[in-house]
Amino acid sequence: MGSLRVMMIGDVVGDPGLNVLESTLCPFILENQIDFVIANGENIFGGFGITAPLLERLFAVGVNIVTGGNHIWEQREFWPVLESEERMLRPMNYPMGSPGRGWVKAESSAKNGEPLSLYIVNLQGREYMTPLDCPFKTFDSLIESIPEKSIVFIDFHAESSSEKEALAYYIDGRASCIAGTHTHVQTADERILPGGTAYITDLGMTGVLDGVIGMDPKICIDRARSQVLYRMEPAKPDENSRTAIQGLIADIDIESGRAVSVKRV
């Protein structure tokens, strides 16, 4: 019996988020014996979207699969990359015909060197967000084609904590791990559900911690006070600010596809 250790990284926000990954992720992977890395990359380009060069920088530091969300469409020139790069996902429950793909079968290996297949799925919530196809039904349509006891990881990009928990209990026992993204605030509710699925409501974000969801505090205050939608920008780190990677590490039993441990990063 072997296991697979997978790290999921919360929304990477702007240059500060990418810089902290480039300076710390590779040694962190080695130190913690991580086999596979999934990161949400929809906020890297100035906080809104991603570009092809930024995507390549994520791959270069050890990220295997990049997931997205509602901001994945911000950079129109990136849409062809969604079509051509299988390691870049967007939420699966966007309407048929949207550029890109919402899930991928990837390859890794267990601690004993055994080759493994993983299925990574990207879904988006509907509460307080753009109405999309039902994430519950979308998952059902996919899981029917995936062999039982497979290793399945889900990035559920959603605003509502209750919607995230509801989906987690709905799929419990049919996926290895489901982790929420989008709110940029890491929750302290990581656990293994009764059916063996690891869960956390939100992975948090990777970037400047001394900001407002990784963004410049002054701009966010001005937006809130005036209700004028000034465009937010990533917070700029200085000698007094902290940058960090936030996320989750889950150990998965390769025979059952179920989680055996989970911890926050």
Protein backbone atom coordinates (compact mmCIF):
# COMPACT_ATOMS: atom_id res chain seq x y z
CA MET A 1 0.00 0.00 0.00
CA GLY A 2 1.36 3.42 -0.96
CA SER A 3 0.31 7.02 -0.69
CA LEU A 4 0.40 10.20 -2.72
CA ARG A 5 1.03 13.62 -1.16
CA VAL A 6 -0.67 16.48 -2.99
CA MET A 7 -0.41 20.20 -2.24
CA MET A 8 -3.15 22.65 -3.25
CA ILE A 9 -2.19 26.34 -3.27
CA GLY A 10 -4.67 29.17 -2.74
CA ASP A 11 -5.19 31.98 -5.27
CA VAL A 12 -1.81 33.44 -6.27
CA VAL A 13 -2.22 37.24 -6.16
CA GLY A 14 -0.06 39.42 -8.39
CA ASP A 15 3.73 39.64 -8.55
CA PRO A 16 4.12 39.27 -4.76
CA GLY A 17 2.35 35.92 -4.85
CA LEU A 18 4.40 34.65 -7.77
CA ASN A 19 7.62 35.93 -6.19
CA VAL A 20 7.03 34.08 -2.92
CA LEU A 21 6.37 30.89 -4.89
CA GLU A 22 9.59 31.35 -6.85
CA SER A 23 11.61 31.88 -3.69
CA THR A 24 10.15 29.18 -1.45
CA LEU A 25 8.07 26.55 -3.27
CA CYS A 26 10.83 24.29 -4.64
CA PRO A 27 12.58 23.78 -1.28
CA PHE A 28 9.18 23.39 0.40
CA ILE A 29 8.27 20.60 -2.03
CA LEU A 30 11.53 18.78 -1.32
CA GLU A 31 11.37 19.26 2.44
CA ASN A 32 7.79 17.98 2.66
CA GLN A 33 8.15 15.21 0.04
CA ILE A 34 5.25 16.51 -2.03
CA ASP A 35 4.45 14.47 -5.13
CA PHE A 36 2.04 16.77 -6.98
CA VAL A 37 1.12 20.49 -6.82
CA ILE A 38 -2.10 22.24 -7.87
CA ALA A 39 -2.33 26.05 -7.73
CA ASN A 40 -5.10 28.52 -8.49
CA GLY A 41 -3.63 31.10 -10.87
CA GLU A 42 -6.52 33.34 -11.92
CA ASN A 43 -5.26 36.40 -9.98
CA ILE A 44 -1.62 36.57 -11.02
CA PHE A 45 -1.75 39.30 -13.67
CA GLY A 46 -2.23 42.44 -11.59
CA GLY A 47 -4.83 40.57 -9.56
CA PHE A 48 -7.04 39.81 -12.55
CA GLY A 49 -6.34 36.94 -14.93
CA ILE A 50 -3.16 35.27 -16.12
CA THR A 51 -0.87 35.40 -19.16
CA ALA A 52 1.16 32.74 -20.95
CA PRO A 53 4.55 33.89 -19.55
CA LEU A 54 3.17 33.92 -16.00
CA LEU A 55 1.75 30.44 -16.49
CA GLU A 56 5.18 29.17 -17.56
CA ARG A 57 6.70 30.68 -14.41
CA LEU A 58 4.25 28.67 -12.32
CA PHE A 59 5.21 25.46 -14.09
CA ALA A 60 8.91 26.31 -13.65
CA VAL A 61 8.67 26.39 -9.84
CA GLY A 62 7.03 22.99 -9.54
CA VAL A 63 3.30 23.55 -10.08
CA ASN A 64 1.83 20.66 -12.07
CA ILE A 65 -1.71 21.89 -12.72
CA VAL A 66 -3.12 25.44 -12.63
CA THR A 67 -6.80 26.05 -11.94
CA GLY A 68 -8.92 29.12 -12.56
CA GLY A 69 -12.20 30.81 -11.71
CA ASN A 70 -14.31 33.79 -12.68
CA HIS A 71 -11.26 35.98 -13.46
CA ILE A 72 -9.69 33.48 -15.86
CA TRP A 73 -11.31 35.34 -18.78
CA GLU A 74 -9.86 38.78 -17.96
CA GLN A 75 -6.93 38.60 -20.42
CA ARG A 76 -8.52 37.90 -23.80
CA GLU A 77 -5.17 37.03 -25.39
CA PHE A 78 -4.90 34.13 -22.94
CA TRP A 79 -7.97 32.33 -24.27
CA PRO A 80 -6.03 30.37 -26.92
CA VAL A 81 -3.78 29.06 -24.12
CA LEU A 82 -6.86 27.70 -22.38
CA GLU A 83 -7.50 25.69 -25.53
CA SER A 84 -3.94 24.48 -26.12
CA GLU A 85 -2.48 23.91 -22.63
CA GLU A 86 -3.94 20.85 -20.91
CA ARG A 87 -2.33 21.78 -17.59
CA MET A 88 -4.40 24.98 -17.39
CA LEU A 89 -8.03 24.57 -16.30
CA ARG A 90 -11.06 26.81 -16.10
CA PRO A 91 -14.29 25.93 -14.25
CA MET A 92 -15.97 22.97 -15.92
CA ASN A 93 -19.52 24.27 -15.48
CA TYR A 94 -19.17 27.22 -17.86
CA PRO A 95 -21.49 26.74 -20.85
CA MET A 96 -20.52 24.38 -23.64
CA GLY A 97 -18.34 26.16 -26.20
CA SER A 98 -16.39 28.21 -23.66
CA PRO A 99 -12.63 28.11 -24.33
CA GLY A 100 -10.59 25.53 -22.47
CA ARG A 101 -11.33 22.52 -20.30
CA GLY A 102 -12.58 21.97 -16.78
CA TRP A 103 -10.80 18.76 -15.86
CA VAL A 104 -7.70 16.82 -16.76
CA LYS A 105 -6.20 13.39 -16.22
CA ALA A 106 -2.62 13.86 -15.06
CA GLU A 107 0.22 11.48 -14.25
CA SER A 108 2.32 11.25 -11.10
CA SER A 109 3.97 8.55 -9.01
CA ALA A 110 3.54 7.26 -5.48
CA LYS A 111 6.25 7.06 -2.84
CA ASN A 112 7.04 3.53 -3.99
CA GLY A 113 7.54 4.74 -7.56
CA GLU A 114 4.29 3.28 -8.84
CA PRO A 115 2.86 5.37 -11.72
CA LEU A 116 -0.49 6.93 -10.90
CA SER A 117 -3.27 8.78 -12.66
CA LEU A 118 -4.94 11.76 -10.99
CA TYR A 119 -8.05 13.58 -12.05
CA ILE A 120 -8.11 17.31 -11.31
CA VAL A 121 -11.46 19.07 -11.60
CA ASN A 122 -12.23 22.80 -11.57
CA LEU A 123 -15.78 23.93 -10.68
CA GLN A 124 -17.33 27.32 -9.90
CA GLY A 125 -20.10 28.18 -7.46
CA ARG A 126 -23.33 30.01 -8.26
CA GLU A 127 -24.35 31.71 -5.00
CA TYR A 128 -23.45 35.44 -5.15
CA MET A 129 -21.63 34.77 -8.44
CA THR A 130 -22.45 34.59 -12.15
CA PRO A 131 -25.17 31.97 -12.80
CA LEU A 132 -23.62 28.92 -14.40
CA ASP A 133 -24.48 25.30 -14.99
CA CYS A 134 -25.09 23.38 -11.76
CA PRO A 135 -21.75 22.28 -10.21
CA PHE A 136 -23.47 19.31 -8.55
CA LYS A 137 -24.84 17.96 -11.83
CA THR A 138 -21.60 18.83 -13.64
CA PHE A 139 -19.61 16.71 -11.19
CA ASP A 140 -22.11 13.85 -11.54
CA SER A 141 -21.72 13.89 -15.32
CA LEU A 142 -17.94 13.62 -15.02
CA ILE A 143 -17.55 11.10 -12.21
CA GLU A 144 -19.55 8.50 -14.14
CA SER A 145 -16.66 8.23 -16.61
CA ILE A 146 -13.89 8.01 -13.98
CA PRO A 147 -12.96 4.58 -12.58
CA GLU A 148 -13.92 3.88 -8.97
CA LYS A 149 -11.27 4.46 -6.29
CA SER A 150 -9.49 6.99 -8.49
CA ILE A 151 -7.58 9.92 -7.04
CA VAL A 152 -9.74 12.99 -7.70
CA PHE A 153 -8.97 16.57 -6.59
CA ILE A 154 -11.46 19.41 -6.93
CA ASP A 155 -10.88 23.17 -6.83
CA PHE A 156 -14.32 24.63 -6.09
CA HIS A 157 -14.09 28.35 -6.82
CA ALA A 158 -17.03 29.79 -4.91
CA GLU A 159 -18.14 32.68 -2.71
CA SER A 160 -20.56 30.92 -0.38
CA SER A 161 -19.20 28.80 2.46
CA SER A 162 -22.46 26.88 2.69
CA GLU A 163 -22.39 26.06 -1.02
CA LYS A 164 -18.83 24.79 -0.65
CA GLU A 165 -19.72 22.58 2.31
CA ALA A 166 -22.87 21.32 0.62
CA LEU A 167 -20.93 20.23 -2.48
CA ALA A 168 -18.28 18.61 -0.29
CA TYR A 169 -20.82 16.45 1.52
CA TYR A 170 -22.57 15.71 -1.77
CA ILE A 171 -19.41 14.29 -3.34
CA ASP A 172 -17.98 12.77 -0.12
CA GLY A 173 -16.59 9.34 -0.91
CA ARG A 174 -16.44 10.08 -4.65
CA ALA A 175 -13.36 12.33 -4.59
CA SER A 176 -10.10 12.39 -2.67
CA CYS A 177 -10.16 16.09 -1.82
CA ILE A 178 -12.27 19.17 -2.42
CA ALA A 179 -10.83 22.59 -1.58
CA GLY A 180 -12.52 25.95 -1.90
CA THR A 181 -10.89 28.98 -3.50
CA HIS A 182 -11.96 32.55 -4.38
CA THR A 183 -12.43 34.31 -1.02
CA HIS A 184 -8.64 34.61 -0.37
CA VAL A 185 -9.24 34.08 3.37
CA GLN A 186 -7.96 30.76 4.67
CA THR A 187 -10.45 28.87 6.81
CA ALA A 188 -9.57 26.67 9.80
CA ASP A 189 -11.98 23.81 9.06
CA GLU A 190 -9.75 21.32 7.27
CA ARG A 191 -10.97 17.78 7.92
CA ILE A 192 -11.67 14.37 6.42
CA LEU A 193 -15.37 13.80 5.82
CA PRO A 194 -17.05 10.49 6.78
CA GLY A 195 -16.66 9.02 3.29
CA GLY A 196 -12.93 9.73 3.16
CA THR A 197 -12.84 13.03 1.23
CA ALA A 198 -10.46 15.72 2.52
CA TYR A 199 -12.02 19.17 2.70
CA ILE A 200 -11.35 22.84 3.48
CA THR A 201 -13.74 25.71 2.82
CA ASP A 202 -11.02 28.00 1.46
CA LEU A 203 -7.31 27.51 0.81
CA GLY A 204 -6.61 31.21 1.36
CA MET A 205 -4.30 33.13 -0.94
CA THR A 206 -0.64 33.36 -1.82
CA GLY A 207 0.72 36.90 -1.68
CA VAL A 208 0.90 39.82 0.75
CA LEU A 209 -0.85 38.94 4.01
CA ASP A 210 -0.86 42.57 5.24
CA GLY A 211 -3.48 43.71 2.77
CA VAL A 212 -7.15 43.20 1.96
CA ILE A 213 -7.44 39.76 0.34
CA GLY A 214 -3.94 40.39 -1.03
CA MET A 215 -4.91 43.77 -2.49
CA ASP A 216 -3.85 47.33 -1.68
CA PRO A 217 -5.70 48.32 1.53
CA LYS A 218 -6.19 51.99 0.59
CA ILE A 219 -7.92 51.14 -2.69
CA CYS A 220 -10.16 48.62 -0.94
CA ILE A 221 -11.06 51.14 1.78
CA ASP A 222 -11.88 53.77 -0.85
CA ARG A 223 -14.10 51.27 -2.69
CA ALA A 224 -15.95 50.33 0.48
CA ARG A 225 -16.44 53.90 1.71
CA SER A 226 -17.40 55.51 -1.59
CA GLN A 227 -19.01 52.53 -3.37
CA VAL A 228 -17.03 53.60 -6.44
CA LEU A 229 -15.51 50.52 -8.07
CA TYR A 230 -11.90 51.64 -8.26
CA ARG A 231 -9.85 48.87 -9.82
CA MET A 232 -8.07 46.95 -7.11
CA GLU A 233 -4.32 46.32 -7.31
CA PRO A 234 -2.15 43.79 -5.48
CA ALA A 235 -0.64 45.05 -2.24
CA LYS A 236 3.01 46.04 -2.53
CA PRO A 237 5.26 44.33 0.02
CA ASP A 238 7.70 46.37 2.08
CA GLU A 239 10.06 45.69 4.98
CA ASN A 240 7.13 45.52 7.41
CA SER A 241 4.77 43.31 5.41
CA ARG A 242 4.53 39.54 5.20
CA THR A 243 4.13 37.38 2.13
CA ALA A 244 3.25 33.71 2.34
CA ILE A 245 1.98 30.62 0.57
CA GLN A 246 -1.37 29.39 1.85
CA GLY A 247 -2.93 26.10 0.96
CA LEU A 248 -3.36 22.50 1.99
CA ILE A 249 -1.46 19.20 1.92
CA ALA A 250 -3.40 15.93 1.67
CA ASP A 251 -2.06 12.39 1.81
CA ILE A 252 -4.10 9.98 -0.31
CA ASP A 253 -4.18 6.20 -0.08
CA ILE A 254 -3.55 5.04 -3.64
CA GLU A 255 -5.56 1.82 -3.34
CA SER A 256 -8.78 3.41 -2.13
CA GLY A 257 -8.36 6.97 -3.41
CA ARG A 258 -9.35 8.24 0.03
CA ALA A 259 -7.59 10.82 2.18
CA VAL A 260 -5.63 9.59 5.20
CA SER A 261 -4.40 12.99 6.43
CA VAL A 262 -4.89 16.67 5.72
CA LYS A 263 -3.23 19.82 7.03
CA ARG A 264 -3.19 23.53 6.29
CA VAL A 265 -0.12 25.32 4.93
